[in-house]
Amino acid sequence: MSTRQYARLVDEWVTAVGLPPEEYGTHSLLRTKASIIYKATGNIRAIQVLLGHSKIDNTVRYLDVDIEDALTLAEKTEI
């Protein structure tokens, strides 16, 4: 499946459930999933790996979380 085909599917799903398609897309869903995993686990390092970020600062900015909280949680988590 191409990226464009996937984007069309997401557009169809969003429209089918009655949401405005201009507010939801493939990237916003990826960010949502990463945010849900982070909230459930508190494991910022795992999110960093899943998103392919080389720096944890990028992941923290991407998730819009407090850097000190994220680093404290990351230090407590072993991978």
N, C-alpha and C. Protein backbone atom coordinates (compact mmCIF):
# COMPACT_ATOMS: atom_id res chain seq x y z
N MET A 1 0.85 -1.17 0.00
CA MET A 1 0.00 0.00 0.00
C MET A 1 0.90 1.23 0.00
N SER A 2 0.58 2.16 -0.84
CA SER A 2 1.38 3.39 -0.91
C SER A 2 0.96 4.35 0.19
N THR A 3 1.80 5.32 0.41
CA THR A 3 1.49 6.37 1.39
C THR A 3 0.22 7.10 1.02
N ARG A 4 0.07 7.37 -0.24
CA ARG A 4 -1.13 8.09 -0.71
C ARG A 4 -2.39 7.25 -0.51
N GLN A 5 -2.30 5.94 -0.79
CA GLN A 5 -3.46 5.07 -0.58
C GLN A 5 -3.85 5.04 0.90
N TYR A 6 -2.85 4.98 1.77
CA TYR A 6 -3.11 4.98 3.20
C TYR A 6 -3.78 6.30 3.62
N ALA A 7 -3.28 7.40 3.08
CA ALA A 7 -3.86 8.71 3.40
C ALA A 7 -5.32 8.78 2.97
N ARG A 8 -5.63 8.22 1.81
CA ARG A 8 -7.02 8.19 1.34
C ARG A 8 -7.91 7.36 2.26
N LEU A 9 -7.38 6.22 2.71
CA LEU A 9 -8.14 5.38 3.64
C LEU A 9 -8.44 6.12 4.94
N VAL A 10 -7.43 6.77 5.49
CA VAL A 10 -7.63 7.54 6.72
C VAL A 10 -8.68 8.61 6.49
N ASP A 11 -8.60 9.30 5.37
CA ASP A 11 -9.59 10.31 5.01
C ASP A 11 -11.00 9.72 5.00
N GLU A 12 -11.14 8.55 4.40
CA GLU A 12 -12.46 7.88 4.33
C GLU A 12 -12.95 7.49 5.72
N TRP A 13 -12.06 6.95 6.56
CA TRP A 13 -12.44 6.54 7.92
C TRP A 13 -12.89 7.73 8.75
N VAL A 14 -12.13 8.80 8.66
CA VAL A 14 -12.44 10.00 9.43
C VAL A 14 -13.80 10.55 9.00
N THR A 15 -14.01 10.61 7.71
CA THR A 15 -15.29 11.10 7.18
C THR A 15 -16.43 10.18 7.59
N ALA A 16 -16.20 8.87 7.56
CA ALA A 16 -17.24 7.89 7.89
C ALA A 16 -17.72 8.02 9.33
N VAL A 17 -16.83 8.43 10.23
CA VAL A 17 -17.25 8.57 11.63
C VAL A 17 -17.71 9.99 11.95
N GLY A 18 -17.77 10.84 10.91
CA GLY A 18 -18.33 12.17 11.08
C GLY A 18 -17.37 13.24 11.58
N LEU A 19 -16.08 12.99 11.45
CA LEU A 19 -15.10 14.00 11.87
C LEU A 19 -14.65 14.81 10.66
N PRO A 20 -14.23 16.05 10.88
CA PRO A 20 -13.76 16.85 9.75
C PRO A 20 -12.41 16.35 9.23
N PRO A 21 -12.33 15.89 7.98
CA PRO A 21 -11.10 15.30 7.46
C PRO A 21 -9.91 16.27 7.43
N GLU A 22 -10.17 17.56 7.37
CA GLU A 22 -9.06 18.52 7.35
C GLU A 22 -8.35 18.61 8.70
N GLU A 23 -8.97 18.07 9.74
CA GLU A 23 -8.35 18.12 11.08
C GLU A 23 -7.64 16.82 11.47
N TYR A 24 -7.80 15.78 10.66
CA TYR A 24 -7.20 14.48 10.98
C TYR A 24 -6.48 13.92 9.77
N GLY A 25 -5.31 13.37 10.02
CA GLY A 25 -4.55 12.78 8.93
C GLY A 25 -3.61 11.71 9.46
N THR A 26 -2.80 11.17 8.59
CA THR A 26 -1.90 10.09 8.99
C THR A 26 -0.92 10.55 10.06
N HIS A 27 -0.41 11.75 9.95
CA HIS A 27 0.55 12.23 10.95
C HIS A 27 -0.10 12.50 12.29
N SER A 28 -1.28 13.09 12.30
CA SER A 28 -1.94 13.36 13.58
C SER A 28 -2.30 12.06 14.29
N LEU A 29 -2.62 11.01 13.53
CA LEU A 29 -2.92 9.72 14.16
C LEU A 29 -1.66 9.09 14.74
N LEU A 30 -0.52 9.25 14.07
CA LEU A 30 0.74 8.74 14.61
C LEU A 30 1.07 9.45 15.91
N ARG A 31 0.90 10.75 15.93
CA ARG A 31 1.17 11.53 17.15
C ARG A 31 0.22 11.10 18.27
N THR A 32 -1.03 10.86 17.94
CA THR A 32 -2.00 10.42 18.93
C THR A 32 -1.60 9.08 19.52
N LYS A 33 -1.20 8.14 18.67
CA LYS A 33 -0.81 6.82 19.17
C LYS A 33 0.41 6.94 20.08
N ALA A 34 1.40 7.72 19.67
CA ALA A 34 2.59 7.91 20.49
C ALA A 34 2.22 8.53 21.84
N SER A 35 1.31 9.49 21.83
CA SER A 35 0.87 10.13 23.07
C SER A 35 0.15 9.15 23.99
N ILE A 36 -0.68 8.30 23.41
CA ILE A 36 -1.41 7.31 24.20
C ILE A 36 -0.44 6.31 24.83
N ILE A 37 0.53 5.85 24.05
CA ILE A 37 1.52 4.91 24.59
C ILE A 37 2.32 5.57 25.71
N TYR A 38 2.71 6.82 25.50
CA TYR A 38 3.49 7.53 26.53
C TYR A 38 2.68 7.67 27.82
N LYS A 39 1.41 8.07 27.69
CA LYS A 39 0.56 8.23 28.88
C LYS A 39 0.35 6.91 29.61
N ALA A 40 0.25 5.83 28.85
CA ALA A 40 0.00 4.52 29.46
C ALA A 40 1.25 3.95 30.12
N THR A 41 2.42 4.22 29.55
CA THR A 41 3.64 3.60 30.04
C THR A 41 4.61 4.55 30.73
N GLY A 42 4.56 5.82 30.35
CA GLY A 42 5.52 6.78 30.86
C GLY A 42 6.92 6.55 30.31
N ASN A 43 7.03 5.73 29.28
CA ASN A 43 8.32 5.34 28.74
C ASN A 43 8.68 6.20 27.53
N ILE A 44 9.31 7.34 27.80
CA ILE A 44 9.67 8.27 26.73
C ILE A 44 10.72 7.67 25.81
N ARG A 45 11.59 6.85 26.35
CA ARG A 45 12.65 6.22 25.55
C ARG A 45 12.05 5.27 24.51
N ALA A 46 11.04 4.51 24.90
CA ALA A 46 10.38 3.61 23.95
C ALA A 46 9.72 4.40 22.83
N ILE A 47 9.11 5.52 23.17
CA ILE A 47 8.48 6.37 22.15
C ILE A 47 9.54 6.93 21.22
N GLN A 48 10.69 7.32 21.80
CA GLN A 48 11.79 7.82 20.99
C GLN A 48 12.20 6.78 19.94
N VAL A 49 12.32 5.54 20.38
CA VAL A 49 12.71 4.45 19.47
C VAL A 49 11.61 4.21 18.43
N LEU A 50 10.37 4.16 18.86
CA LEU A 50 9.25 3.92 17.94
C LEU A 50 9.16 5.00 16.86
N LEU A 51 9.43 6.24 17.23
CA LEU A 51 9.33 7.34 16.27
C LEU A 51 10.60 7.53 15.46
N GLY A 52 11.69 6.86 15.87
CA GLY A 52 12.93 6.97 15.14
C GLY A 52 13.67 8.28 15.38
N HIS A 53 13.42 8.90 16.53
CA HIS A 53 14.11 10.14 16.86
C HIS A 53 15.52 9.84 17.38
N SER A 54 16.49 10.61 16.94
CA SER A 54 17.86 10.40 17.42
C SER A 54 18.09 11.06 18.77
N LYS A 55 17.34 12.10 19.07
CA LYS A 55 17.49 12.82 20.34
C LYS A 55 16.19 12.78 21.13
N ILE A 56 16.32 12.54 22.43
CA ILE A 56 15.13 12.48 23.28
C ILE A 56 14.45 13.84 23.35
N ASP A 57 15.22 14.92 23.18
CA ASP A 57 14.63 16.26 23.19
C ASP A 57 13.59 16.42 22.07
N ASN A 58 13.87 15.80 20.92
CA ASN A 58 12.91 15.87 19.81
C ASN A 58 11.61 15.16 20.16
N THR A 59 11.74 14.03 20.83
CA THR A 59 10.56 13.26 21.23
C THR A 59 9.73 14.03 22.25
N VAL A 60 10.42 14.64 23.20
CA VAL A 60 9.74 15.44 24.23
C VAL A 60 8.99 16.59 23.58
N ARG A 61 9.63 17.28 22.65
CA ARG A 61 8.99 18.39 21.95
C ARG A 61 7.80 17.89 21.12
N TYR A 62 7.99 16.76 20.46
CA TYR A 62 6.95 16.17 19.61
C TYR A 62 5.70 15.83 20.43
N LEU A 63 5.91 15.27 21.62
CA LEU A 63 4.78 14.89 22.48
C LEU A 63 4.25 16.06 23.30
N ASP A 64 5.00 17.16 23.32
CA ASP A 64 4.63 18.34 24.09
C ASP A 64 4.48 18.00 25.57
N VAL A 65 5.52 17.36 26.12
CA VAL A 65 5.55 17.04 27.55
C VAL A 65 6.68 17.81 28.21
N ASP A 66 6.62 17.90 29.52
CA ASP A 66 7.65 18.60 30.28
C ASP A 66 8.96 17.81 30.23
N ILE A 67 10.04 18.46 29.86
CA ILE A 67 11.33 17.79 29.69
C ILE A 67 11.82 17.15 30.98
N GLU A 68 11.66 17.81 32.11
CA GLU A 68 12.13 17.26 33.38
C GLU A 68 11.35 16.00 33.76
N ASP A 69 10.03 16.04 33.58
CA ASP A 69 9.21 14.86 33.85
C ASP A 69 9.60 13.70 32.95
N ALA A 70 9.79 14.00 31.68
CA ALA A 70 10.15 12.96 30.71
C ALA A 70 11.50 12.35 31.04
N LEU A 71 12.47 13.18 31.37
CA LEU A 71 13.80 12.65 31.68
C LEU A 71 13.80 11.83 32.96
N THR A 72 13.03 12.26 33.95
CA THR A 72 12.92 11.49 35.19
C THR A 72 12.32 10.11 34.90
N LEU A 73 11.28 10.07 34.10
CA LEU A 73 10.66 8.80 33.74
C LEU A 73 11.61 7.94 32.91
N ALA A 74 12.34 8.56 32.00
CA ALA A 74 13.26 7.82 31.15
C ALA A 74 14.38 7.19 31.96
N GLU A 75 14.84 7.88 32.98
CA GLU A 75 15.91 7.33 33.83
C GLU A 75 15.44 6.14 34.63
N LYS A 76 14.15 6.07 34.93
CA LYS A 76 13.59 4.97 35.72
C LYS A 76 13.28 3.74 34.86
N THR A 77 13.33 3.90 33.54
CA THR A 77 12.91 2.84 32.64
C THR A 77 14.11 2.23 31.94
N GLU A 78 14.18 0.90 32.00
CA GLU A 78 15.24 0.21 31.29
C GLU A 78 14.68 -0.46 30.06
N ILE A 79 15.45 -0.40 28.99
CA ILE A 79 15.05 -1.07 27.74
C ILE A 79 16.12 -2.07 27.39
